[in-house]
Amino acid sequence: MSQSVALHIAGIHCDSCIKLIRRELDDLKGIREVTIDTSGAAHIAFDAPLTLDAILEAYVEDSRSIAEIIAAGFEEATVRRVAGLVRRSEYKRRQAPPGPKVTRCAFGRERRYPLTAVYGDM
């Protein structure tokens, strides 16, 4: 899935400025196309960020470890942050009323995670 954004970049004076910006943007993952002119008008096409969805699916639904998710090519800091957020919010699932099962792995009965002790990276 591709998205694009049009914006104005102030301070562009010459082709050298454009080359510098393009070089920085081209180094980023997911950037498909960058168009900039000397007036500062820029159009950037990029892949939609699917990182969070993919990490959550691997961690929650596929029960993969943090090490396995990192080995799959995701940034370690992002994986650890997402896993920490899931672990810290797990208690909220016990307080919520039962809801419909919308994925193949339901929280509670099918996903067991200890709520009272800290076990580190599981």
PDB file of N, CA and C in Angstrom:
ATOM      1  N   MET A   1       0.853  -1.172   0.000  1.00  0.00           N
ATOM      2  CA  MET A   1       0.000   0.000   0.000  1.00  0.00           C
ATOM      3  C   MET A   1       0.897   1.233   0.000  1.00  0.00           C
ATOM      4  N   SER A   2       0.668   2.112  -0.922  1.00  0.00           N
ATOM      5  CA  SER A   2       1.491   3.298  -1.062  1.00  0.00           C
ATOM      6  C   SER A   2       0.690   4.547  -0.710  1.00  0.00           C
ATOM      7  N   GLN A   3       1.351   5.495  -0.060  1.00  0.00           N
ATOM      8  CA  GLN A   3       0.751   6.779   0.272  1.00  0.00           C
ATOM      9  C   GLN A   3       1.660   7.867  -0.264  1.00  0.00           C
ATOM     10  N   SER A   4       1.116   9.085  -0.354  1.00  0.00           N
ATOM     11  CA  SER A   4       1.950  10.196  -0.786  1.00  0.00           C
ATOM     12  C   SER A   4       1.566  11.446  -0.018  1.00  0.00           C
ATOM     13  N   VAL A   5       2.496  12.374   0.019  1.00  0.00           N
ATOM     14  CA  VAL A   5       2.270  13.634   0.703  1.00  0.00           C
ATOM     15  C   VAL A   5       2.901  14.744  -0.135  1.00  0.00           C
ATOM     16  N   ALA A   6       2.204  15.860  -0.195  1.00  0.00           N
ATOM     17  CA  ALA A   6       2.738  17.050  -0.867  1.00  0.00           C
ATOM     18  C   ALA A   6       2.978  18.092   0.212  1.00  0.00           C
ATOM     19  N   LEU A   7       4.144  18.710   0.180  1.00  0.00           N
ATOM     20  CA  LEU A   7       4.459  19.714   1.183  1.00  0.00           C
ATOM     21  C   LEU A   7       5.401  20.755   0.623  1.00  0.00           C
ATOM     22  N   HIS A   8       5.584  21.824   1.391  1.00  0.00           N
ATOM     23  CA  HIS A   8       6.495  22.896   0.987  1.00  0.00           C
ATOM     24  C   HIS A   8       7.687  22.873   1.930  1.00  0.00           C
ATOM     25  N   ILE A   9       8.894  22.880   1.353  1.00  0.00           N
ATOM     26  CA  ILE A   9      10.123  22.898   2.134  1.00  0.00           C
ATOM     27  C   ILE A   9      10.754  24.272   1.975  1.00  0.00           C
ATOM     28  N   ALA A  10      10.845  25.014   3.072  1.00  0.00           N
ATOM     29  CA  ALA A  10      11.428  26.355   3.039  1.00  0.00           C
ATOM     30  C   ALA A  10      12.950  26.260   3.057  1.00  0.00           C
ATOM     31  N   GLY A  11      13.598  27.211   2.425  1.00  0.00           N
ATOM     32  CA  GLY A  11      15.047  27.311   2.482  1.00  0.00           C
ATOM     33  C   GLY A  11      15.781  26.646   1.337  1.00  0.00           C
ATOM     34  N   ILE A  12      15.070  26.185   0.332  1.00  0.00           N
ATOM     35  CA  ILE A  12      15.733  25.591  -0.830  1.00  0.00           C
ATOM     36  C   ILE A  12      16.152  26.714  -1.770  1.00  0.00           C
ATOM     37  N   HIS A  13      17.454  26.764  -2.076  1.00  0.00           N
ATOM     38  CA  HIS A  13      17.971  27.847  -2.903  1.00  0.00           C
ATOM     39  C   HIS A  13      18.552  27.377  -4.228  1.00  0.00           C
ATOM     40  N   CYS A  14      18.953  26.082  -4.279  1.00  0.00           N
ATOM     41  CA  CYS A  14      19.652  25.619  -5.478  1.00  0.00           C
ATOM     42  C   CYS A  14      19.503  24.111  -5.645  1.00  0.00           C
ATOM     43  N   ASP A  15      20.061  23.594  -6.713  1.00  0.00           N
ATOM     44  CA  ASP A  15      20.012  22.148  -6.973  1.00  0.00           C
ATOM     45  C   ASP A  15      20.785  21.356  -5.926  1.00  0.00           C
ATOM     46  N   SER A  16      21.797  21.965  -5.340  1.00  0.00           N
ATOM     47  CA  SER A  16      22.571  21.290  -4.303  1.00  0.00           C
ATOM     48  C   SER A  16      21.699  21.009  -3.074  1.00  0.00           C
ATOM     49  N   CYS A  17      20.834  21.949  -2.730  1.00  0.00           N
ATOM     50  CA  CYS A  17      19.902  21.760  -1.608  1.00  0.00           C
ATOM     51  C   CYS A  17      18.963  20.584  -1.900  1.00  0.00           C
ATOM     52  N   ILE A  18      18.479  20.523  -3.120  1.00  0.00           N
ATOM     53  CA  ILE A  18      17.566  19.448  -3.526  1.00  0.00           C
ATOM     54  C   ILE A  18      18.275  18.099  -3.452  1.00  0.00           C
ATOM     55  N   LYS A  19      19.498  18.036  -3.943  1.00  0.00           N
ATOM     56  CA  LYS A  19      20.252  16.778  -3.903  1.00  0.00           C
ATOM     57  C   LYS A  19      20.479  16.307  -2.470  1.00  0.00           C
ATOM     58  N   LEU A  20      20.793  17.233  -1.571  1.00  0.00           N
ATOM     59  CA  LEU A  20      21.024  16.894  -0.181  1.00  0.00           C
ATOM     60  C   LEU A  20      19.756  16.311   0.459  1.00  0.00           C
ATOM     61  N   ILE A  21      18.631  16.939   0.226  1.00  0.00           N
ATOM     62  CA  ILE A  21      17.355  16.453   0.783  1.00  0.00           C
ATOM     63  C   ILE A  21      16.985  15.107   0.175  1.00  0.00           C
ATOM     64  N   ARG A  22      17.128  14.988  -1.132  1.00  0.00           N
ATOM     65  CA  ARG A  22      16.809  13.709  -1.791  1.00  0.00           C
ATOM     66  C   ARG A  22      17.684  12.574  -1.269  1.00  0.00           C
ATOM     67  N   ARG A  23      18.973  12.853  -1.053  1.00  0.00           N
ATOM     68  CA  ARG A  23      19.882  11.818  -0.553  1.00  0.00           C
ATOM     69  C   ARG A  23      19.439  11.350   0.836  1.00  0.00           C
ATOM     70  N   GLU A  24      19.044  12.283   1.699  1.00  0.00           N
ATOM     71  CA  GLU A  24      18.589  11.915   3.044  1.00  0.00           C
ATOM     72  C   GLU A  24      17.289  11.103   2.985  1.00  0.00           C
ATOM     73  N   LEU A  25      16.366  11.507   2.137  1.00  0.00           N
ATOM     74  CA  LEU A  25      15.089  10.799   2.040  1.00  0.00           C
ATOM     75  C   LEU A  25      15.235   9.440   1.368  1.00  0.00           C
ATOM     76  N   ASP A  26      16.102   9.345   0.387  1.00  0.00           N
ATOM     77  CA  ASP A  26      16.304   8.068  -0.312  1.00  0.00           C
ATOM     78  C   ASP A  26      16.890   7.002   0.606  1.00  0.00           C
ATOM     79  N   ASP A  27      17.591   7.416   1.665  1.00  0.00           N
ATOM     80  CA  ASP A  27      18.176   6.463   2.607  1.00  0.00           C
ATOM     81  C   ASP A  27      17.139   5.862   3.557  1.00  0.00           C
ATOM     82  N   LEU A  28      15.963   6.460   3.639  1.00  0.00           N
ATOM     83  CA  LEU A  28      14.926   5.965   4.544  1.00  0.00           C
ATOM     84  C   LEU A  28      14.199   4.771   3.936  1.00  0.00           C
ATOM     85  N   LYS A  29      13.851   3.807   4.763  1.00  0.00           N
ATOM     86  CA  LYS A  29      13.099   2.643   4.296  1.00  0.00           C
ATOM     87  C   LYS A  29      11.697   3.066   3.893  1.00  0.00           C
ATOM     88  N   GLY A  30      11.214   2.494   2.807  1.00  0.00           N
ATOM     89  CA  GLY A  30       9.838   2.714   2.402  1.00  0.00           C
ATOM     90  C   GLY A  30       9.598   3.892   1.481  1.00  0.00           C
ATOM     91  N   ILE A  31      10.603   4.726   1.239  1.00  0.00           N
ATOM     92  CA  ILE A  31      10.436   5.872   0.333  1.00  0.00           C
ATOM     93  C   ILE A  31      10.484   5.355  -1.101  1.00  0.00           C
ATOM     94  N   ARG A  32       9.432   5.619  -1.853  1.00  0.00           N
ATOM     95  CA  ARG A  32       9.373   5.153  -3.242  1.00  0.00           C
ATOM     96  C   ARG A  32       9.842   6.210  -4.230  1.00  0.00           C
ATOM     97  N   GLU A  33       9.386   7.443  -4.049  1.00  0.00           N
ATOM     98  CA  GLU A  33       9.710   8.502  -5.017  1.00  0.00           C
ATOM     99  C   GLU A  33       9.725   9.853  -4.320  1.00  0.00           C
ATOM    100  N   VAL A  34      10.701  10.676  -4.662  1.00  0.00           N
ATOM    101  CA  VAL A  34      10.819  12.022  -4.109  1.00  0.00           C
ATOM    102  C   VAL A  34      10.961  12.999  -5.270  1.00  0.00           C
ATOM    103  N   THR A  35      10.084  13.993  -5.310  1.00  0.00           N
ATOM    104  CA  THR A  35      10.149  15.037  -6.328  1.00  0.00           C
ATOM    105  C   THR A  35      10.182  16.391  -5.613  1.00  0.00           C
ATOM    106  N   ILE A  36      11.244  17.149  -5.852  1.00  0.00           N
ATOM    107  CA  ILE A  36      11.389  18.467  -5.226  1.00  0.00           C
ATOM    108  C   ILE A  36      11.842  19.446  -6.305  1.00  0.00           C
ATOM    109  N   ASP A  37      11.276  20.668  -6.284  1.00  0.00           N
ATOM    110  CA  ASP A  37      11.759  21.687  -7.217  1.00  0.00           C
ATOM    111  C   ASP A  37      12.327  22.862  -6.428  1.00  0.00           C
ATOM    112  N   THR A  38      12.955  23.803  -7.120  1.00  0.00           N
ATOM    113  CA  THR A  38      13.650  24.911  -6.452  1.00  0.00           C
ATOM    114  C   THR A  38      12.703  25.878  -5.753  1.00  0.00           C
ATOM    115  N   SER A  39      11.407  25.816  -6.024  1.00  0.00           N
ATOM    116  CA  SER A  39      10.460  26.667  -5.297  1.00  0.00           C
ATOM    117  C   SER A  39      10.132  26.083  -3.920  1.00  0.00           C
ATOM    118  N   GLY A  40      10.564  24.833  -3.670  1.00  0.00           N
ATOM    119  CA  GLY A  40      10.323  24.203  -2.377  1.00  0.00           C
ATOM    120  C   GLY A  40       9.154  23.242  -2.376  1.00  0.00           C
ATOM    121  N   ALA A  41       8.460  23.121  -3.509  1.00  0.00           N
ATOM    122  CA  ALA A  41       7.343  22.176  -3.587  1.00  0.00           C
ATOM    123  C   ALA A  41       7.907  20.762  -3.631  1.00  0.00           C
ATOM    124  N   ALA A  42       7.384  19.909  -2.759  1.00  0.00           N
ATOM    125  CA  ALA A  42       7.879  18.537  -2.681  1.00  0.00           C
ATOM    126  C   ALA A  42       6.717  17.558  -2.722  1.00  0.00           C
ATOM    127  N   HIS A  43       6.943  16.446  -3.380  1.00  0.00           N
ATOM    128  CA  HIS A  43       5.979  15.345  -3.420  1.00  0.00           C
ATOM    129  C   HIS A  43       6.743  14.078  -3.062  1.00  0.00           C
ATOM    130  N   ILE A  44       6.283  13.403  -2.000  1.00  0.00           N
ATOM    131  CA  ILE A  44       6.978  12.209  -1.527  1.00  0.00           C
ATOM    132  C   ILE A  44       5.993  11.045  -1.515  1.00  0.00           C
ATOM    133  N   ALA A  45       6.331   9.981  -2.236  1.00  0.00           N
ATOM    134  CA  ALA A  45       5.532   8.754  -2.242  1.00  0.00           C
ATOM    135  C   ALA A  45       6.262   7.719  -1.387  1.00  0.00           C
ATOM    136  N   PHE A  46       5.511   7.054  -0.519  1.00  0.00           N
ATOM    137  CA  PHE A  46       6.137   6.100   0.395  1.00  0.00           C
ATOM    138  C   PHE A  46       5.190   4.944   0.684  1.00  0.00           C
ATOM    139  N   ASP A  47       5.773   3.840   1.155  1.00  0.00           N
ATOM    140  CA  ASP A  47       4.976   2.692   1.558  1.00  0.00           C
ATOM    141  C   ASP A  47       4.280   3.014   2.873  1.00  0.00           C
ATOM    142  N   ALA A  48       3.031   2.589   2.997  1.00  0.00           N
ATOM    143  CA  ALA A  48       2.299   2.800   4.238  1.00  0.00           C
ATOM    144  C   ALA A  48       2.992   2.026   5.355  1.00  0.00           C
ATOM    145  N   PRO A  49       3.077   2.630   6.524  1.00  0.00           N
ATOM    146  CA  PRO A  49       3.768   1.951   7.621  1.00  0.00           C
ATOM    147  C   PRO A  49       2.961   0.773   8.144  1.00  0.00           C
ATOM    148  N   LEU A  50       3.457  -0.425   7.913  1.00  0.00           N
ATOM    149  CA  LEU A  50       2.796  -1.629   8.381  1.00  0.00           C
ATOM    150  C   LEU A  50       3.572  -2.269   9.529  1.00  0.00           C
ATOM    151  N   THR A  51       4.555  -1.568  10.038  1.00  0.00           N
ATOM    152  CA  THR A  51       5.430  -2.119  11.061  1.00  0.00           C
ATOM    153  C   THR A  51       4.662  -2.527  12.308  1.00  0.00           C
ATOM    154  N   LEU A  52       3.846  -1.636  12.842  1.00  0.00           N
ATOM    155  CA  LEU A  52       3.122  -1.926  14.079  1.00  0.00           C
ATOM    156  C   LEU A  52       2.215  -3.135  13.912  1.00  0.00           C
ATOM    157  N   ASP A  53       1.454  -3.182  12.829  1.00  0.00           N
ATOM    158  CA  ASP A  53       0.568  -4.318  12.594  1.00  0.00           C
ATOM    159  C   ASP A  53       1.335  -5.628  12.516  1.00  0.00           C
ATOM    160  N   ALA A  54       2.451  -5.604  11.823  1.00  0.00           N
ATOM    161  CA  ALA A  54       3.242  -6.824  11.657  1.00  0.00           C
ATOM    162  C   ALA A  54       3.852  -7.277  12.982  1.00  0.00           C
ATOM    163  N   ILE A  55       4.332  -6.339  13.785  1.00  0.00           N
ATOM    164  CA  ILE A  55       4.909  -6.693  15.083  1.00  0.00           C
ATOM    165  C   ILE A  55       3.833  -7.247  16.003  1.00  0.00           C
ATOM    166  N   LEU A  56       2.681  -6.596  16.052  1.00  0.00           N
ATOM    167  CA  LEU A  56       1.591  -7.079  16.905  1.00  0.00           C
ATOM    168  C   LEU A  56       1.110  -8.462  16.482  1.00  0.00           C
ATOM    169  N   GLU A  57       0.993  -8.682  15.187  1.00  0.00           N
ATOM    170  CA  GLU A  57       0.558  -9.995  14.713  1.00  0.00           C
ATOM    171  C   GLU A  57       1.560 -11.073  15.114  1.00  0.00           C
ATOM    172  N   ALA A  58       2.838 -10.792  14.943  1.00  0.00           N
ATOM    173  CA  ALA A  58       3.865 -11.777  15.294  1.00  0.00           C
ATOM    174  C   ALA A  58       3.896 -12.022  16.802  1.00  0.00           C
ATOM    175  N   TYR A  59       3.787 -10.963  17.593  1.00  0.00           N
ATOM    176  CA  TYR A  59       3.920 -11.081  19.047  1.00  0.00           C
ATOM    177  C   TYR A  59       2.668 -11.670  19.699  1.00  0.00           C
ATOM    178  N   VAL A  60       1.504 -11.192  19.303  1.00  0.00           N
ATOM    179  CA  VAL A  60       0.262 -11.604  19.958  1.00  0.00           C
ATOM    180  C   VAL A  60      -0.326 -12.853  19.318  1.00  0.00           C
ATOM    181  N   GLU A  61      -0.553 -12.824  18.029  1.00  0.00           N
ATOM    182  CA  GLU A  61      -1.271 -13.917  17.379  1.00  0.00           C
ATOM    183  C   GLU A  61      -0.386 -15.115  17.063  1.00  0.00           C
ATOM    184  N   ASP A  62       0.865 -14.858  16.685  1.00  0.00           N
ATOM    185  CA  ASP A  62       1.750 -15.971  16.340  1.00  0.00           C
ATOM    186  C   ASP A  62       2.605 -16.425  17.520  1.00  0.00           C
ATOM    187  N   SER A  63       2.508 -15.720  18.666  1.00  0.00           N
ATOM    188  CA  SER A  63       3.254 -16.046  19.897  1.00  0.00           C
ATOM    189  C   SER A  63       4.757 -16.158  19.654  1.00  0.00           C
ATOM    190  N   ARG A  64       5.294 -15.275  18.811  1.00  0.00           N
ATOM    191  CA  ARG A  64       6.737 -15.279  18.547  1.00  0.00           C
ATOM    192  C   ARG A  64       7.452 -14.471  19.621  1.00  0.00           C
ATOM    193  N   SER A  65       8.670 -14.828  19.909  1.00  0.00           N
ATOM    194  CA  SER A  65       9.448 -14.120  20.923  1.00  0.00           C
ATOM    195  C   SER A  65       9.984 -12.807  20.346  1.00  0.00           C
ATOM    196  N   ILE A  66      10.451 -11.960  21.244  1.00  0.00           N
ATOM    197  CA  ILE A  66      11.025 -10.684  20.821  1.00  0.00           C
ATOM    198  C   ILE A  66      12.246 -10.928  19.938  1.00  0.00           C
ATOM    199  N   ALA A  67      13.070 -11.894  20.307  1.00  0.00           N
ATOM    200  CA  ALA A  67      14.267 -12.206  19.515  1.00  0.00           C
ATOM    201  C   ALA A  67      13.894 -12.661  18.106  1.00  0.00           C
ATOM    202  N   GLU A  68      12.839 -13.460  17.982  1.00  0.00           N
ATOM    203  CA  GLU A  68      12.416 -13.924  16.659  1.00  0.00           C
ATOM    204  C   GLU A  68      11.909 -12.766  15.802  1.00  0.00           C
ATOM    205  N   ILE A  69      11.192 -11.834  16.416  1.00  0.00           N
ATOM    206  CA  ILE A  69      10.662 -10.684  15.664  1.00  0.00           C
ATOM    207  C   ILE A  69      11.800  -9.781  15.205  1.00  0.00           C
ATOM    208  N   ILE A  70      12.779  -9.561  16.077  1.00  0.00           N
ATOM    209  CA  ILE A  70      13.945  -8.751  15.705  1.00  0.00           C
ATOM    210  C   ILE A  70      14.715  -9.436  14.582  1.00  0.00           C
ATOM    211  N   ALA A  71      14.854 -10.757  14.674  1.00  0.00           N
ATOM    212  CA  ALA A  71      15.566 -11.515  13.630  1.00  0.00           C
ATOM    213  C   ALA A  71      14.838 -11.444  12.295  1.00  0.00           C
ATOM    214  N   ALA A  72      13.527 -11.183  12.323  1.00  0.00           N
ATOM    215  CA  ALA A  72      12.757 -11.066  11.086  1.00  0.00           C
ATOM    216  C   ALA A  72      13.008  -9.734  10.380  1.00  0.00           C
ATOM    217  N   GLY A  73      13.767  -8.821  11.018  1.00  0.00           N
ATOM    218  CA  GLY A  73      14.159  -7.595  10.340  1.00  0.00           C
ATOM    219  C   GLY A  73      13.567  -6.314  10.893  1.00  0.00           C
ATOM    220  N   PHE A  74      12.873  -6.375  12.021  1.00  0.00           N
ATOM    221  CA  PHE A  74      12.308  -5.167  12.614  1.00  0.00           C
ATOM    222  C   PHE A  74      13.321  -4.533  13.554  1.00  0.00           C
ATOM    223  N   GLU A  75      13.214  -3.213  13.751  1.00  0.00           N
ATOM    224  CA  GLU A  75      14.135  -2.501  14.637  1.00  0.00           C
ATOM    225  C   GLU A  75      13.941  -2.970  16.070  1.00  0.00           C
ATOM    226  N   GLU A  76      15.048  -3.223  16.749  1.00  0.00           N
ATOM    227  CA  GLU A  76      14.978  -3.752  18.116  1.00  0.00           C
ATOM    228  C   GLU A  76      14.243  -2.810  19.059  1.00  0.00           C
ATOM    229  N   ALA A  77      14.533  -1.518  18.986  1.00  0.00           N
ATOM    230  CA  ALA A  77      13.886  -0.564  19.892  1.00  0.00           C
ATOM    231  C   ALA A  77      12.375  -0.550  19.695  1.00  0.00           C
ATOM    232  N   THR A  78      11.927  -0.610  18.443  1.00  0.00           N
ATOM    233  CA  THR A  78      10.496  -0.608  18.153  1.00  0.00           C
ATOM    234  C   THR A  78       9.834  -1.881  18.665  1.00  0.00           C
ATOM    235  N   VAL A  79      10.454  -3.019  18.440  1.00  0.00           N
ATOM    236  CA  VAL A  79       9.894  -4.299  18.895  1.00  0.00           C
ATOM    237  C   VAL A  79       9.784  -4.318  20.412  1.00  0.00           C
ATOM    238  N   ARG A  80      10.840  -3.893  21.091  1.00  0.00           N
ATOM    239  CA  ARG A  80      10.811  -3.889  22.561  1.00  0.00           C
ATOM    240  C   ARG A  80       9.775  -2.926  23.102  1.00  0.00           C
ATOM    241  N   ARG A  81       9.608  -1.793  22.458  1.00  0.00           N
ATOM    242  CA  ARG A  81       8.599  -0.823  22.914  1.00  0.00           C
ATOM    243  C   ARG A  81       7.194  -1.383  22.738  1.00  0.00           C
ATOM    244  N   VAL A  82       6.902  -1.963  21.584  1.00  0.00           N
ATOM    245  CA  VAL A  82       5.574  -2.529  21.323  1.00  0.00           C
ATOM    246  C   VAL A  82       5.288  -3.681  22.287  1.00  0.00           C
ATOM    247  N   ALA A  83       6.264  -4.566  22.479  1.00  0.00           N
ATOM    248  CA  ALA A  83       6.067  -5.697  23.395  1.00  0.00           C
ATOM    249  C   ALA A  83       5.833  -5.200  24.821  1.00  0.00           C
ATOM    250  N   GLY A  84       6.554  -4.182  25.229  1.00  0.00           N
ATOM    251  CA  GLY A  84       6.362  -3.608  26.560  1.00  0.00           C
ATOM    252  C   GLY A  84       4.979  -2.995  26.722  1.00  0.00           C
ATOM    253  N   LEU A  85       4.518  -2.303  25.694  1.00  0.00           N
ATOM    254  CA  LEU A  85       3.170  -1.715  25.756  1.00  0.00           C
ATOM    255  C   LEU A  85       2.102  -2.798  25.868  1.00  0.00           C
ATOM    256  N   VAL A  86       2.271  -3.879  25.132  1.00  0.00           N
ATOM    257  CA  VAL A  86       1.309  -4.984  25.209  1.00  0.00           C
ATOM    258  C   VAL A  86       1.323  -5.590  26.611  1.00  0.00           C
ATOM    259  N   ARG A  87       2.513  -5.851  27.139  1.00  0.00           N
ATOM    260  CA  ARG A  87       2.616  -6.462  28.478  1.00  0.00           C
ATOM    261  C   ARG A  87       2.021  -5.557  29.546  1.00  0.00           C
ATOM    262  N   ARG A  88       2.318  -4.246  29.477  1.00  0.00           N
ATOM    263  CA  ARG A  88       1.821  -3.332  30.512  1.00  0.00           C
ATOM    264  C   ARG A  88       0.321  -3.119  30.443  1.00  0.00           C
ATOM    265  N   SER A  89      -0.287  -3.332  29.286  1.00  0.00           N
ATOM    266  CA  SER A  89      -1.728  -3.119  29.167  1.00  0.00           C
ATOM    267  C   SER A  89      -2.520  -4.419  29.271  1.00  0.00           C
ATOM    268  N   GLU A  90      -1.849  -5.515  29.537  1.00  0.00           N
ATOM    269  CA  GLU A  90      -2.518  -6.817  29.597  1.00  0.00           C
ATOM    270  C   GLU A  90      -3.596  -6.852  30.684  1.00  0.00           C
ATOM    271  N   TYR A  91      -3.357  -6.201  31.825  1.00  0.00           N
ATOM    272  CA  TYR A  91      -4.328  -6.230  32.909  1.00  0.00           C
ATOM    273  C   TYR A  91      -5.675  -5.627  32.498  1.00  0.00           C
ATOM    274  N   LYS A  92      -5.661  -4.714  31.558  1.00  0.00           N
ATOM    275  CA  LYS A  92      -6.900  -4.081  31.115  1.00  0.00           C
ATOM    276  C   LYS A  92      -7.842  -5.089  30.474  1.00  0.00           C
ATOM    277  N   ARG A  93      -7.288  -6.127  29.878  1.00  0.00           N
ATOM    278  CA  ARG A  93      -8.118  -7.130  29.222  1.00  0.00           C
ATOM    279  C   ARG A  93      -8.934  -7.925  30.235  1.00  0.00           C
ATOM    280  N   ARG A  94      -8.437  -8.054  31.463  1.00  0.00           N
ATOM    281  CA  ARG A  94      -9.185  -8.761  32.509  1.00  0.00           C
ATOM    282  C   ARG A  94     -10.352  -7.915  33.015  1.00  0.00           C
ATOM    283  N   GLN A  95     -10.228  -6.601  32.901  1.00  0.00           N
ATOM    284  CA  GLN A  95     -11.266  -5.709  33.411  1.00  0.00           C
ATOM    285  C   GLN A  95     -12.387  -5.481  32.400  1.00  0.00           C
ATOM    286  N   ALA A  96     -12.119  -5.756  31.150  1.00  0.00           N
ATOM    287  CA  ALA A  96     -13.104  -5.494  30.093  1.00  0.00           C
ATOM    288  C   ALA A  96     -14.136  -6.630  30.041  1.00  0.00           C
ATOM    289  N   PRO A  97     -15.359  -6.316  29.632  1.00  0.00           N
ATOM    290  CA  PRO A  97     -16.355  -7.385  29.481  1.00  0.00           C
ATOM    291  C   PRO A  97     -15.992  -8.269  28.292  1.00  0.00           C
ATOM    292  N   PRO A  98     -16.491  -9.495  28.269  1.00  0.00           N
ATOM    293  CA  PRO A  98     -16.212 -10.373  27.127  1.00  0.00           C
ATOM    294  C   PRO A  98     -16.708  -9.748  25.826  1.00  0.00           C
ATOM    295  N   GLY A  99     -15.942  -9.928  24.797  1.00  0.00           N
ATOM    296  CA  GLY A  99     -16.313  -9.392  23.492  1.00  0.00           C
ATOM    297  C   GLY A  99     -16.213 -10.472  22.443  1.00  0.00           C
ATOM    298  N   PRO A 100     -16.581 -10.156  21.231  1.00  0.00           N
ATOM    299  CA  PRO A 100     -16.508 -11.166  20.166  1.00  0.00           C
ATOM    300  C   PRO A 100     -15.057 -11.459  19.792  1.00  0.00           C
ATOM    301  N   LYS A 101     -14.816 -12.660  19.388  1.00  0.00           N
ATOM    302  CA  LYS A 101     -13.491 -13.062  18.923  1.00  0.00           C
ATOM    303  C   LYS A 101     -13.380 -12.659  17.461  1.00  0.00           C
ATOM    304  N   VAL A 102     -12.446 -11.767  17.146  1.00  0.00           N
ATOM    305  CA  VAL A 102     -12.318 -11.264  15.776  1.00  0.00           C
ATOM    306  C   VAL A 102     -11.066 -11.765  15.073  1.00  0.00           C
ATOM    307  N   THR A 103     -10.185 -12.425  15.808  1.00  0.00           N
ATOM    308  CA  THR A 103      -8.993 -13.018  15.205  1.00  0.00           C
ATOM    309  C   THR A 103      -8.896 -14.466  15.651  1.00  0.00           C
ATOM    310  N   ARG A 104      -7.919 -15.177  15.131  1.00  0.00           N
ATOM    311  CA  ARG A 104      -7.796 -16.593  15.473  1.00  0.00           C
ATOM    312  C   ARG A 104      -7.295 -16.815  16.890  1.00  0.00           C
ATOM    313  N   CYS A 105      -6.760 -15.788  17.541  1.00  0.00           N
ATOM    314  CA  CYS A 105      -6.227 -15.905  18.898  1.00  0.00           C
ATOM    315  C   CYS A 105      -6.959 -14.935  19.815  1.00  0.00           C
ATOM    316  N   ALA A 106      -7.764 -15.451  20.729  1.00  0.00           N
ATOM    317  CA  ALA A 106      -8.502 -14.601  21.657  1.00  0.00           C
ATOM    318  C   ALA A 106      -7.645 -14.332  22.894  1.00  0.00           C
ATOM    319  N   PHE A 107      -7.751 -13.133  23.439  1.00  0.00           N
ATOM    320  CA  PHE A 107      -7.067 -12.835  24.690  1.00  0.00           C
ATOM    321  C   PHE A 107      -7.770 -13.593  25.804  1.00  0.00           C
ATOM    322  N   GLY A 108      -7.016 -13.945  26.827  1.00  0.00           N
ATOM    323  CA  GLY A 108      -7.606 -14.674  27.945  1.00  0.00           C
ATOM    324  C   GLY A 108      -7.397 -16.157  27.774  1.00  0.00           C
ATOM    325  N   ARG A 109      -8.402 -16.857  27.321  1.00  0.00           N
ATOM    326  CA  ARG A 109      -8.360 -18.308  27.241  1.00  0.00           C
ATOM    327  C   ARG A 109      -7.241 -18.814  26.320  1.00  0.00           C
ATOM    328  N   GLU A 110      -7.042 -18.186  25.187  1.00  0.00           N
ATOM    329  CA  GLU A 110      -6.060 -18.661  24.211  1.00  0.00           C
ATOM    330  C   GLU A 110      -4.709 -17.966  24.304  1.00  0.00           C
ATOM    331  N   ARG A 111      -4.650 -16.872  24.993  1.00  0.00           N
ATOM    332  CA  ARG A 111      -3.373 -16.156  25.160  1.00  0.00           C
ATOM    333  C   ARG A 111      -3.099 -16.050  26.648  1.00  0.00           C
ATOM    334  N   ARG A 112      -2.156 -16.808  27.121  1.00  0.00           N
ATOM    335  CA  ARG A 112      -1.820 -16.825  28.540  1.00  0.00           C
ATOM    336  C   ARG A 112      -0.562 -16.000  28.773  1.00  0.00           C
ATOM    337  N   TYR A 113      -0.682 -15.016  29.625  1.00  0.00           N
ATOM    338  CA  TYR A 113       0.460 -14.202  30.009  1.00  0.00           C
ATOM    339  C   TYR A 113       0.287 -13.868  31.479  1.00  0.00           C
ATOM    340  N   PRO A 114       1.278 -14.134  32.337  1.00  0.00           N
ATOM    341  CA  PRO A 114       1.125 -13.891  33.771  1.00  0.00           C
ATOM    342  C   PRO A 114       0.912 -12.407  34.063  1.00  0.00           C
ATOM    343  N   LEU A 115      -0.038 -12.116  34.929  1.00  0.00           N
ATOM    344  CA  LEU A 115      -0.374 -10.727  35.234  1.00  0.00           C
ATOM    345  C   LEU A 115       0.268 -10.228  36.519  1.00  0.00           C
ATOM    346  N   THR A 116       0.691 -11.113  37.389  1.00  0.00           N
ATOM    347  CA  THR A 116       1.149 -10.686  38.707  1.00  0.00           C
ATOM    348  C   THR A 116       2.660 -10.700  38.883  1.00  0.00           C
ATOM    349  N   ALA A 117       3.396 -11.234  37.966  1.00  0.00           N
ATOM    350  CA  ALA A 117       4.849 -11.290  38.100  1.00  0.00           C
ATOM    351  C   ALA A 117       5.493 -10.790  36.818  1.00  0.00           C
ATOM    352  N   VAL A 118       6.703 -10.296  36.958  1.00  0.00           N
ATOM    353  CA  VAL A 118       7.444  -9.807  35.802  1.00  0.00           C
ATOM    354  C   VAL A 118       8.405 -10.919  35.363  1.00  0.00           C
ATOM    355  N   TYR A 119       8.261 -11.373  34.149  1.00  0.00           N
ATOM    356  CA  TYR A 119       9.095 -12.449  33.639  1.00  0.00           C
ATOM    357  C   TYR A 119      10.044 -11.986  32.557  1.00  0.00           C
ATOM    358  N   GLY A 120      10.115 -10.685  32.334  1.00  0.00           N
ATOM    359  CA  GLY A 120      11.033 -10.169  31.322  1.00  0.00           C
ATOM    360  C   GLY A 120      10.537 -10.448  29.915  1.00  0.00           C
ATOM    361  N   ASP A 121      11.463 -10.629  29.010  1.00  0.00           N
ATOM    362  CA  ASP A 121      11.123 -10.854  27.607  1.00  0.00           C
ATOM    363  C   ASP A 121      10.705 -12.284  27.414  1.00  0.00           C
ATOM    364  N   MET A 122       9.469 -12.479  27.067  1.00  0.00           N
ATOM    365  CA  MET A 122       8.955 -13.843  26.845  1.00  0.00           C
ATOM    366  C   MET A 122       8.781 -14.072  25.377  1.00  0.00           C
TER     367      MET A 122
END
